[in-house]
Amino acid sequence: MVDSSIQNILSNLIILCSTFILINYISKYNLLKFSPLIVVMLVGFNFLTQSGPVIFQTFFFQSVSEKMESPIYTFIYVFLFQMGLLISAFIFQYKLSKYSSFIRKNFLNPLHLMDLPKNNLLFILGYLGFLSLIYQSRYVGIDSKIEYGDITGKFIQSLSIFISAPYLTLFYPKIYSINAPKNSKKIIIYTFLLVIMAIALNVRGFIFGGVFNLILIMILYMALGNLKFNFGMKHFIILIALIPVFSLATDLVFSMAVAREFRKDNSPVEMVVETLDILSDRDRLNHLKKLSLDTVFSDYSEDYTGNVMIDRLLSVKFSDLTITEVIKMPSDNVREVVEFSRNKIFSTLPTPILRIIGSNIDKNENTYSMGDFLRYGSGGFLSQSFLTGSNVAHALILFGNLFFLILIPYFVIVMVVIHSFEINIRGTFFISPLILMNLNFLLNFFNSDSLVDGMQFITRGLFQYGLIYFIIFLFYKKMSINNS
């Protein structure tokens, strides 16, 4: 919103129109009071691809189209994707929402997924997730990984979805007036351990994922009117004190990005040492910042705002990079993308099921990301770099310019399933802890690497995670009874 080029003006006009339509729809049809989780998904897509870039780029005195390869095409296609979501939301809200109640009554309630969890259970879930990260750390620095078909390994790996569970102990007492002991010290220790493990694994998303998730929950419930927050002098002082913390966190995330090139050769301890060495060497850190991430990714750059932490939050640059590749891609390559997508979908099925149906798909050949495939093709060059793709780009190459209409049935199914995890109880929304501890995932649901990620979560992920939660819940309940 800074320069006056035609490209930047058109980009801002598209974003303004798209955001206005979204806000008007949510307000007119009272969608927030009907389904806050669907609003999180819609607002998340808009903020991370459209309104967020305007806000942050304006803050940094840069134009929204700066450092983008095809801004006009990108913002037009994300606008169309959002229109498909809004049409689907209307169909879901007024025609098909009753099926959410059916799912909740017949599947979620029997599995206790809609029960209010105890604090001890939330900490148990969190530390099981943490132990999962420790288990995964054994594969850092060696040319190996958890093999497909390794049921035990995959089960332990799946526990990592619970790492944000302990943070709910700070939330539930405020909403449901529960007399529970304060867990602030426990949370601080837990957060510190998570940061260390995130550095060891070189997974930036784990650093402040739980804190960010808690902030999202608080914002959502304040918007619903179920949580009141009176901003006073104490909070202002805390906010000012957090400014240097944010700066340190940004430098830490950048240091991890630079240290990523050593991940294949270093052990977890060496990764921590290497990352902290980069962080502590201010001259080296500042020099690397000037070079940006281009030195790491060659001609590929994720740089957008100039702040690596914000660049990881926003997904518009990833959409721009992949949409640009789709625009340049010869029509003959579309068949390869369709085959790749089909194989990715089949690869999400458990190995025993693939054997039963006689599929000969090698899951190890389908591990690279959509971003990799679109940029480097089926040759698999840098196939393990996991460049982030885009739902929009994936949909565009599969279905052409009418992708936003063709995807409506899929969008509606997603909304029906997600809505089943929430219920309005006398004006206060209760959201399943399984979803609440992963609210940031919903925010990014349509901003993931490809459409396959969302399909996998709906068809397999929720069932698998729900069953694991139920098993842990039963063990906890049995232990509690025995102790009593």
Protein backbone atom coordinates (compact mmCIF):
# COMPACT_ATOMS: atom_id res chain seq x y z
CA MET A 1 0.00 0.00 0.00
CA VAL A 2 3.09 2.21 -0.29
CA ASP A 3 3.91 2.59 -4.00
CA SER A 4 1.54 3.81 -6.70
CA SER A 5 2.26 1.23 -9.40
CA ILE A 6 -0.68 -0.30 -11.25
CA GLN A 7 0.35 -3.73 -9.98
CA ASN A 8 0.24 -2.64 -6.35
CA ILE A 9 -3.00 -0.64 -6.72
CA LEU A 10 -4.80 -3.60 -8.34
CA SER A 11 -3.45 -5.97 -5.68
CA ASN A 12 -4.80 -3.76 -2.91
CA LEU A 13 -8.18 -3.35 -4.62
CA ILE A 14 -8.59 -7.12 -4.97
CA ILE A 15 -7.67 -7.64 -1.33
CA LEU A 16 -9.99 -4.85 -0.17
CA CYS A 17 -12.90 -6.29 -2.16
CA SER A 18 -12.23 -9.84 -0.97
CA THR A 19 -11.92 -8.85 2.69
CA PHE A 20 -15.06 -6.68 2.55
CA ILE A 21 -17.08 -9.56 1.09
CA LEU A 22 -15.82 -11.92 3.81
CA ILE A 23 -16.57 -9.54 6.70
CA ASN A 24 -19.98 -8.69 5.24
CA TYR A 25 -20.89 -12.37 4.88
CA ILE A 26 -19.85 -13.27 8.44
CA SER A 27 -21.80 -10.29 9.81
CA LYS A 28 -24.92 -10.65 7.63
CA TYR A 29 -25.40 -14.37 8.23
CA ASN A 30 -24.17 -14.30 11.86
CA LEU A 31 -21.68 -17.05 11.06
CA LEU A 32 -19.52 -16.44 14.14
CA LYS A 33 -22.39 -17.30 16.50
CA PHE A 34 -23.33 -20.27 14.33
CA SER A 35 -19.91 -21.86 13.82
CA PRO A 36 -16.80 -20.13 15.22
CA LEU A 37 -14.56 -22.91 13.90
CA ILE A 38 -15.66 -22.27 10.32
CA VAL A 39 -14.99 -18.55 10.88
CA VAL A 40 -11.47 -19.41 12.08
CA MET A 41 -10.86 -21.31 8.83
CA LEU A 42 -12.28 -18.53 6.62
CA VAL A 43 -10.59 -15.65 8.43
CA GLY A 44 -7.37 -17.66 8.61
CA PHE A 45 -7.28 -18.08 4.85
CA ASN A 46 -8.04 -14.40 4.23
CA PHE A 47 -5.58 -13.09 6.82
CA LEU A 48 -2.65 -15.28 5.79
CA THR A 49 -3.05 -14.66 2.06
CA GLN A 50 -4.64 -11.20 1.75
CA SER A 51 -5.40 -8.85 4.63
CA GLY A 52 -2.37 -9.96 6.68
CA PRO A 53 0.13 -9.10 3.93
CA VAL A 54 -1.41 -5.62 3.60
CA ILE A 55 -1.16 -5.00 7.34
CA PHE A 56 2.42 -6.22 7.75
CA GLN A 57 3.80 -4.76 4.53
CA THR A 58 2.28 -1.39 5.37
CA PHE A 59 3.86 -1.61 8.83
CA PHE A 60 7.26 -2.24 7.19
CA PHE A 61 6.66 0.57 4.65
CA GLN A 62 6.61 -1.85 1.74
CA SER A 63 4.06 -2.51 -0.99
CA VAL A 64 1.90 -5.62 -0.77
CA SER A 65 3.15 -6.78 -4.18
CA GLU A 66 6.82 -6.34 -3.29
CA LYS A 67 9.03 -9.43 -3.72
CA MET A 68 6.18 -11.32 -5.38
CA GLU A 69 6.57 -12.90 -8.81
CA SER A 70 2.92 -12.84 -9.99
CA PRO A 71 0.95 -10.70 -7.50
CA ILE A 72 -2.09 -9.98 -9.71
CA TYR A 73 -2.62 -13.63 -10.63
CA THR A 74 -1.99 -14.70 -7.03
CA PHE A 75 -4.52 -12.33 -5.47
CA ILE A 76 -7.15 -13.08 -8.15
CA TYR A 77 -6.86 -16.83 -7.60
CA VAL A 78 -6.87 -16.63 -3.78
CA PHE A 79 -9.94 -14.36 -4.08
CA LEU A 80 -11.71 -17.00 -6.22
CA PHE A 81 -10.70 -19.70 -3.73
CA GLN A 82 -12.25 -17.64 -0.94
CA MET A 83 -15.46 -17.17 -2.97
CA GLY A 84 -15.70 -20.94 -3.27
CA LEU A 85 -15.35 -21.18 0.51
CA LEU A 86 -18.13 -18.61 1.10
CA ILE A 87 -20.53 -20.35 -1.30
CA SER A 88 -19.79 -23.61 0.51
CA ALA A 89 -20.34 -21.95 3.90
CA PHE A 90 -23.80 -20.80 2.79
CA ILE A 91 -24.77 -24.29 1.56
CA PHE A 92 -23.44 -25.85 4.76
CA GLN A 93 -25.11 -23.36 7.11
CA TYR A 94 -28.58 -23.51 5.62
CA LYS A 95 -28.78 -27.01 4.15
CA LEU A 96 -26.37 -29.51 5.66
CA SER A 97 -25.38 -28.45 9.19
CA LYS A 98 -27.79 -31.02 10.66
CA TYR A 99 -25.33 -33.76 9.70
CA SER A 100 -22.80 -32.27 12.12
CA SER A 101 -25.16 -33.05 15.00
CA PHE A 102 -25.42 -36.63 13.76
CA ILE A 103 -21.62 -37.03 13.77
CA ARG A 104 -21.34 -35.43 17.21
CA LYS A 105 -24.06 -37.59 18.77
CA ASN A 106 -23.06 -40.94 17.27
CA PHE A 107 -19.27 -40.70 17.13
CA LEU A 108 -17.74 -37.86 19.15
CA ASN A 109 -19.80 -38.17 22.34
CA PRO A 110 -19.22 -41.94 22.76
CA LEU A 111 -15.46 -41.34 22.38
CA HIS A 112 -15.60 -38.60 25.07
CA LEU A 113 -14.21 -36.08 22.58
CA MET A 114 -16.77 -33.53 23.76
CA ASP A 115 -16.00 -33.92 27.49
CA LEU A 116 -14.27 -31.21 29.52
CA PRO A 117 -10.81 -32.66 30.31
CA LYS A 118 -9.10 -32.57 33.69
CA ASN A 119 -5.88 -30.58 34.12
CA ASN A 120 -3.84 -33.70 34.87
CA LEU A 121 -5.07 -35.33 31.66
CA LEU A 122 -4.00 -32.28 29.64
CA PHE A 123 -0.48 -32.38 31.13
CA ILE A 124 -0.27 -36.13 30.48
CA LEU A 125 -1.23 -35.52 26.85
CA GLY A 126 1.33 -32.73 26.57
CA TYR A 127 4.21 -34.78 27.93
CA LEU A 128 3.24 -37.74 25.74
CA GLY A 129 3.55 -35.33 22.82
CA PHE A 130 6.90 -34.17 24.15
CA LEU A 131 8.11 -37.78 24.46
CA SER A 132 7.05 -38.23 20.85
CA LEU A 133 9.41 -35.41 19.87
CA ILE A 134 12.23 -37.08 21.83
CA TYR A 135 11.54 -40.31 19.93
CA GLN A 136 11.65 -38.46 16.61
CA SER A 137 14.97 -36.82 17.58
CA ARG A 138 16.69 -40.20 17.10
CA TYR A 139 16.33 -39.66 13.34
CA VAL A 140 18.09 -36.28 13.33
CA GLY A 141 21.55 -36.39 11.75
CA ILE A 142 21.21 -39.86 10.22
CA ASP A 143 20.08 -40.98 6.80
CA SER A 144 16.96 -42.66 8.13
CA LYS A 145 13.42 -41.97 9.27
CA ILE A 146 10.34 -43.66 10.68
CA GLU A 147 9.57 -46.24 8.01
CA TYR A 148 6.13 -46.68 6.49
CA GLY A 149 4.55 -49.76 8.00
CA ASP A 150 6.28 -49.18 11.35
CA ILE A 151 3.03 -49.08 13.32
CA THR A 152 4.69 -48.44 16.69
CA GLY A 153 6.85 -45.65 15.30
CA LYS A 154 3.95 -44.01 13.51
CA PHE A 155 1.78 -44.24 16.64
CA ILE A 156 4.44 -42.54 18.77
CA GLN A 157 4.97 -39.91 16.07
CA SER A 158 1.23 -39.10 16.00
CA LEU A 159 1.30 -38.18 19.71
CA SER A 160 3.02 -34.91 18.81
CA ILE A 161 -0.41 -33.36 18.06
CA PHE A 162 -0.93 -33.14 21.83
CA ILE A 163 2.02 -30.84 22.58
CA SER A 164 -0.27 -27.81 23.02
CA ALA A 165 -2.62 -29.57 25.45
CA PRO A 166 -1.12 -28.19 28.73
CA TYR A 167 -1.81 -24.60 27.62
CA LEU A 168 -5.55 -25.33 27.85
CA THR A 169 -5.15 -25.44 31.65
CA LEU A 170 -4.73 -21.65 31.49
CA PHE A 171 -7.90 -21.27 29.44
CA TYR A 172 -10.60 -23.56 30.83
CA PRO A 173 -10.79 -21.99 34.34
CA LYS A 174 -11.46 -18.56 32.79
CA ILE A 175 -14.35 -19.80 30.63
CA TYR A 176 -16.05 -22.40 32.81
CA SER A 177 -15.31 -20.95 36.29
CA ILE A 178 -13.37 -24.01 37.38
CA ASN A 179 -11.51 -23.95 40.67
CA ALA A 180 -8.16 -25.28 39.50
CA PRO A 181 -4.61 -24.75 40.79
CA LYS A 182 -2.50 -22.23 38.90
CA ASN A 183 -0.12 -23.88 36.46
CA SER A 184 1.92 -20.87 35.31
CA LYS A 185 5.27 -22.23 36.55
CA LYS A 186 4.61 -25.64 35.02
CA ILE A 187 3.72 -23.99 31.70
CA ILE A 188 6.92 -21.90 31.70
CA ILE A 189 9.06 -25.01 32.30
CA TYR A 190 7.11 -26.94 29.66
CA THR A 191 7.54 -24.11 27.12
CA PHE A 192 11.30 -23.99 27.76
CA LEU A 193 11.58 -27.73 27.14
CA LEU A 194 9.56 -27.40 23.92
CA VAL A 195 11.84 -24.63 22.63
CA ILE A 196 14.94 -26.75 23.26
CA MET A 197 13.39 -29.76 21.53
CA ALA A 198 12.22 -27.61 18.60
CA ILE A 199 15.80 -26.37 18.12
CA ALA A 200 17.13 -29.93 18.33
CA LEU A 201 14.65 -31.12 15.68
CA ASN A 202 14.96 -27.87 13.70
CA VAL A 203 11.17 -27.61 13.52
CA ARG A 204 10.28 -23.93 13.83
CA GLY A 205 6.55 -24.56 14.22
CA PHE A 206 7.03 -26.14 17.66
CA ILE A 207 8.82 -23.15 19.21
CA PHE A 208 5.87 -21.04 20.28
CA GLY A 209 3.06 -23.13 18.77
CA GLY A 210 1.37 -23.68 22.13
CA VAL A 211 1.56 -20.01 23.11
CA PHE A 212 0.30 -18.91 19.69
CA ASN A 213 -2.52 -21.45 19.90
CA LEU A 214 -3.54 -20.13 23.34
CA ILE A 215 -3.60 -16.55 22.01
CA LEU A 216 -5.84 -17.67 19.14
CA ILE A 217 -8.23 -19.34 21.59
CA MET A 218 -8.42 -16.20 23.74
CA ILE A 219 -9.09 -13.99 20.70
CA LEU A 220 -11.81 -16.35 19.47
CA TYR A 221 -13.63 -16.46 22.81
CA MET A 222 -13.35 -12.70 23.25
CA ALA A 223 -14.94 -12.30 19.81
CA LEU A 224 -17.72 -14.65 20.92
CA GLY A 225 -18.27 -12.57 24.07
CA ASN A 226 -17.53 -15.58 26.30
CA LEU A 227 -14.29 -14.07 27.60
CA LYS A 228 -13.76 -10.52 28.84
CA PHE A 229 -10.37 -8.86 28.93
CA ASN A 230 -9.82 -5.48 30.56
CA PHE A 231 -6.57 -4.00 29.26
CA GLY A 232 -4.84 -2.16 32.11
CA MET A 233 -1.48 -0.66 32.94
CA LYS A 234 -0.12 -4.03 34.06
CA HIS A 235 -0.88 -5.54 30.68
CA PHE A 236 0.62 -2.53 28.89
CA ILE A 237 3.90 -2.96 30.81
CA ILE A 238 3.94 -6.69 29.99
CA LEU A 239 3.33 -5.88 26.32
CA ILE A 240 6.26 -3.44 26.25
CA ALA A 241 8.46 -5.99 28.01
CA LEU A 242 7.62 -8.58 25.35
CA ILE A 243 9.00 -6.45 22.49
CA PRO A 244 12.63 -7.58 23.03
CA VAL A 245 11.34 -11.15 23.50
CA PHE A 246 9.71 -10.97 20.06
CA SER A 247 12.98 -9.68 18.60
CA LEU A 248 14.90 -12.55 20.21
CA ALA A 249 12.30 -15.05 18.97
CA THR A 250 12.65 -13.67 15.42
CA ASP A 251 16.43 -14.07 15.55
CA LEU A 252 16.04 -17.59 16.92
CA VAL A 253 13.70 -18.60 14.10
CA PHE A 254 16.12 -17.13 11.56
CA SER A 255 19.06 -18.96 13.18
CA MET A 256 17.13 -22.22 12.90
CA ALA A 257 16.46 -21.53 9.22
CA VAL A 258 20.19 -21.09 8.62
CA ALA A 259 21.09 -24.16 10.70
CA ARG A 260 18.66 -26.25 8.68
CA GLU A 261 21.35 -27.11 6.12
CA PHE A 262 23.21 -29.03 8.86
CA ARG A 263 20.20 -31.12 9.91
CA LYS A 264 21.17 -34.21 7.88
CA ASP A 265 24.66 -34.40 9.39
CA ASN A 266 24.28 -33.17 12.99
CA SER A 267 22.90 -34.91 16.05
CA PRO A 268 20.14 -33.21 18.10
CA VAL A 269 22.70 -31.87 20.58
CA GLU A 270 24.86 -30.56 17.74
CA MET A 271 21.81 -28.86 16.21
CA VAL A 272 21.17 -27.02 19.48
CA VAL A 273 24.84 -25.95 19.71
CA GLU A 274 24.96 -24.88 16.05
CA THR A 275 21.73 -22.85 16.30
CA LEU A 276 22.78 -21.11 19.52
CA ASP A 277 26.23 -20.35 18.01
CA ILE A 278 24.55 -18.58 15.10
CA LEU A 279 22.16 -16.77 17.46
CA SER A 280 24.95 -15.55 19.75
CA ASP A 281 27.22 -14.35 16.93
CA ARG A 282 25.57 -11.00 16.16
CA ASP A 283 27.95 -10.07 13.33
CA ARG A 284 27.37 -13.35 11.56
CA LEU A 285 23.61 -13.16 12.19
CA ASN A 286 23.32 -9.64 10.78
CA HIS A 287 25.41 -10.60 7.76
CA LEU A 288 23.17 -13.58 7.05
CA LYS A 289 20.08 -11.42 7.43
CA LYS A 290 21.36 -9.13 4.71
CA LEU A 291 21.91 -12.09 2.44
CA SER A 292 18.42 -13.29 3.40
CA LEU A 293 17.51 -16.94 2.84
CA ASP A 294 18.58 -16.86 -0.81
CA THR A 295 21.99 -18.19 0.26
CA VAL A 296 20.27 -21.27 1.67
CA PHE A 297 17.68 -21.93 -1.03
CA SER A 298 19.64 -20.74 -4.09
CA ASP A 299 17.17 -19.11 -6.51
CA TYR A 300 14.25 -19.90 -4.21
CA SER A 301 13.41 -17.30 -1.57
CA GLU A 302 10.69 -17.25 1.07
CA ASP A 303 11.53 -13.66 1.96
CA TYR A 304 8.49 -11.35 1.80
CA THR A 305 8.30 -8.87 4.67
CA GLY A 306 11.95 -9.06 5.67
CA ASN A 307 11.00 -10.69 9.00
CA VAL A 308 11.50 -14.45 8.88
CA MET A 309 9.00 -15.11 11.69
CA ILE A 310 6.20 -13.19 9.95
CA ASP A 311 7.15 -14.74 6.61
CA ARG A 312 6.51 -18.18 8.14
CA LEU A 313 3.15 -16.99 9.48
CA LEU A 314 1.88 -15.56 6.18
CA SER A 315 1.36 -17.97 3.30
CA VAL A 316 0.88 -15.52 0.43
CA LYS A 317 4.51 -15.85 -0.74
CA PHE A 318 4.17 -19.63 -0.96
CA SER A 319 0.96 -19.21 -2.97
CA ASP A 320 2.71 -16.72 -5.23
CA LEU A 321 5.71 -18.98 -5.86
CA THR A 322 3.61 -22.05 -6.66
CA ILE A 323 0.95 -20.22 -8.70
CA THR A 324 3.78 -18.74 -10.78
CA GLU A 325 5.06 -22.27 -11.44
CA VAL A 326 1.56 -23.40 -12.45
CA ILE A 327 1.21 -20.49 -14.88
CA LYS A 328 4.55 -21.38 -16.50
CA MET A 329 3.90 -25.14 -16.52
CA PRO A 330 3.31 -26.76 -19.95
CA SER A 331 -0.09 -28.40 -20.38
CA ASP A 332 1.59 -31.78 -20.86
CA ASN A 333 2.78 -31.67 -17.24
CA VAL A 334 -0.76 -31.47 -15.86
CA ARG A 335 -1.12 -35.24 -16.24
CA GLU A 336 1.96 -35.73 -14.07
CA VAL A 337 0.48 -33.51 -11.35
CA VAL A 338 -2.79 -35.47 -11.45
CA GLU A 339 -0.88 -38.73 -11.07
CA PHE A 340 1.27 -37.25 -8.30
CA SER A 341 -1.87 -36.07 -6.46
CA ARG A 342 -3.52 -39.48 -6.82
CA ASN A 343 -0.43 -41.21 -5.44
CA LYS A 344 -0.21 -38.71 -2.56
CA ILE A 345 -3.82 -39.45 -1.62
CA PHE A 346 -3.24 -43.22 -1.71
CA SER A 347 -0.05 -42.72 0.30
CA THR A 348 -2.12 -41.37 3.18
CA LEU A 349 -3.80 -44.77 3.58
CA PRO A 350 -2.32 -47.18 6.15
CA THR A 351 0.14 -49.65 4.64
CA PRO A 352 -1.98 -52.73 5.60
CA ILE A 353 -4.95 -51.30 3.66
CA LEU A 354 -2.75 -50.64 0.61
CA ARG A 355 -1.67 -54.29 0.72
CA ILE A 356 -5.28 -55.47 0.97
CA ILE A 357 -6.39 -53.48 -2.09
CA GLY A 358 -3.29 -54.60 -3.98
CA SER A 359 -1.76 -51.16 -4.45
CA ASN A 360 1.90 -51.13 -5.45
CA ILE A 361 2.48 -47.48 -4.51
CA ASP A 362 5.82 -46.87 -2.81
CA LYS A 363 5.15 -44.28 -0.09
CA ASN A 364 8.82 -43.32 0.03
CA GLU A 365 8.55 -42.06 -3.56
CA ASN A 366 5.76 -39.65 -2.59
CA THR A 367 7.30 -37.93 0.41
CA TYR A 368 8.31 -34.72 -1.30
CA SER A 369 6.02 -31.72 -1.06
CA MET A 370 3.77 -30.12 -3.66
CA GLY A 371 6.09 -27.12 -3.59
CA ASP A 372 8.99 -29.40 -4.56
CA PHE A 373 7.01 -31.07 -7.33
CA LEU A 374 5.78 -27.83 -8.91
CA ARG A 375 9.20 -26.22 -8.81
CA TYR A 376 11.47 -29.11 -9.73
CA GLY A 377 9.12 -31.52 -11.53
CA SER A 378 8.90 -35.27 -11.36
CA GLY A 379 12.69 -35.55 -11.54
CA GLY A 380 12.68 -35.14 -7.78
CA PHE A 381 15.56 -32.63 -7.67
CA LEU A 382 15.91 -31.48 -4.05
CA SER A 383 12.98 -33.79 -3.34
CA GLN A 384 13.55 -33.63 0.41
CA SER A 385 13.72 -29.82 0.70
CA PHE A 386 9.97 -29.70 1.44
CA LEU A 387 9.30 -26.34 -0.19
CA THR A 388 5.84 -25.23 0.91
CA GLY A 389 3.12 -25.50 -1.73
CA SER A 390 -0.36 -24.06 -1.91
CA ASN A 391 -3.96 -25.32 -1.88
CA VAL A 392 -4.82 -22.68 -4.47
CA ALA A 393 -2.03 -23.65 -6.88
CA HIS A 394 -2.82 -27.34 -6.46
CA ALA A 395 -6.52 -26.76 -7.17
CA LEU A 396 -5.74 -24.52 -10.14
CA ILE A 397 -3.58 -27.08 -11.91
CA LEU A 398 -6.00 -29.94 -11.21
CA PHE A 399 -9.27 -28.27 -12.17
CA GLY A 400 -8.42 -25.15 -14.17
CA ASN A 401 -9.97 -21.71 -13.68
CA LEU A 402 -13.26 -23.14 -12.34
CA PHE A 403 -11.48 -24.85 -9.45
CA PHE A 404 -13.32 -22.76 -6.83
CA LEU A 405 -16.68 -24.18 -7.99
CA ILE A 406 -15.49 -27.75 -8.48
CA LEU A 407 -14.13 -27.82 -4.92
CA ILE A 408 -17.46 -26.84 -3.30
CA PRO A 409 -18.49 -30.46 -2.40
CA TYR A 410 -15.10 -30.96 -0.70
CA PHE A 411 -15.37 -27.65 1.16
CA VAL A 412 -18.90 -28.52 2.39
CA ILE A 413 -17.79 -31.94 3.68
CA VAL A 414 -14.90 -30.30 5.56
CA MET A 415 -17.27 -27.78 7.18
CA VAL A 416 -19.80 -30.44 8.20
CA VAL A 417 -17.08 -32.51 9.88
CA ILE A 418 -15.33 -29.58 11.62
CA HIS A 419 -18.63 -28.10 12.88
CA SER A 420 -19.42 -31.39 14.65
CA PHE A 421 -16.59 -30.62 17.12
CA GLU A 422 -18.35 -27.55 18.54
CA ILE A 423 -21.64 -26.97 20.34
CA ASN A 424 -23.37 -23.91 21.76
CA ILE A 425 -24.35 -24.53 25.39
CA ARG A 426 -26.54 -21.70 26.72
CA GLY A 427 -24.60 -19.02 24.86
CA THR A 428 -21.11 -20.42 25.57
CA PHE A 429 -19.42 -22.48 22.89
CA PHE A 430 -17.77 -25.73 23.90
CA ILE A 431 -15.14 -26.86 21.42
CA SER A 432 -13.65 -30.34 21.58
CA PRO A 433 -10.23 -30.25 23.27
CA LEU A 434 -8.87 -32.28 20.34
CA ILE A 435 -9.59 -29.33 18.03
CA LEU A 436 -8.94 -26.58 20.57
CA MET A 437 -5.37 -27.72 21.22
CA ASN A 438 -4.78 -27.56 17.44
CA LEU A 439 -6.71 -24.39 16.63
CA ASN A 440 -3.71 -22.95 14.80
CA PHE A 441 -3.98 -25.91 12.41
CA LEU A 442 -7.52 -24.85 11.52
CA LEU A 443 -6.27 -21.32 10.94
CA ASN A 444 -3.89 -22.78 8.33
CA PHE A 445 -6.23 -25.50 7.06
CA PHE A 446 -6.55 -24.07 3.54
CA ASN A 447 -3.01 -22.69 3.54
CA SER A 448 -1.21 -26.03 3.69
CA ASP A 449 1.13 -27.60 1.14
CA SER A 450 -1.66 -29.12 -0.96
CA LEU A 451 -5.30 -30.22 -0.95
CA VAL A 452 -4.10 -33.68 0.08
CA ASP A 453 -3.21 -32.41 3.59
CA GLY A 454 -6.79 -31.39 4.32
CA MET A 455 -8.21 -34.56 2.78
CA GLN A 456 -5.90 -36.67 4.90
CA PHE A 457 -6.87 -34.82 8.07
CA ILE A 458 -10.60 -35.24 7.43
CA THR A 459 -10.57 -38.85 6.20
CA ARG A 460 -7.87 -40.33 8.42
CA GLY A 461 -6.28 -37.82 10.80
CA LEU A 462 -9.33 -36.95 12.89
CA PHE A 463 -10.32 -40.60 13.24
CA GLN A 464 -6.80 -41.64 14.21
CA TYR A 465 -6.23 -38.77 16.66
CA GLY A 466 -9.70 -39.15 18.15
CA LEU A 467 -9.11 -42.85 18.79
CA ILE A 468 -5.72 -42.16 20.41
CA TYR A 469 -7.30 -39.47 22.61
CA PHE A 470 -10.05 -41.91 23.63
CA ILE A 471 -7.53 -44.63 24.58
CA ILE A 472 -5.49 -42.19 26.69
CA PHE A 473 -8.73 -40.88 28.26
CA LEU A 474 -9.75 -44.42 29.28
CA PHE A 475 -6.33 -45.15 30.79
CA TYR A 476 -6.42 -41.88 32.71
CA LYS A 477 -9.94 -42.58 33.96
CA LYS A 478 -8.99 -46.08 35.07
CA MET A 479 -5.89 -44.78 36.88
CA SER A 480 -7.98 -42.11 38.61
CA ILE A 481 -10.50 -44.68 39.82
CA ASN A 482 -7.76 -46.98 41.10
CA ASN A 483 -6.07 -44.11 42.96
CA SER A 484 -9.38 -43.15 44.52
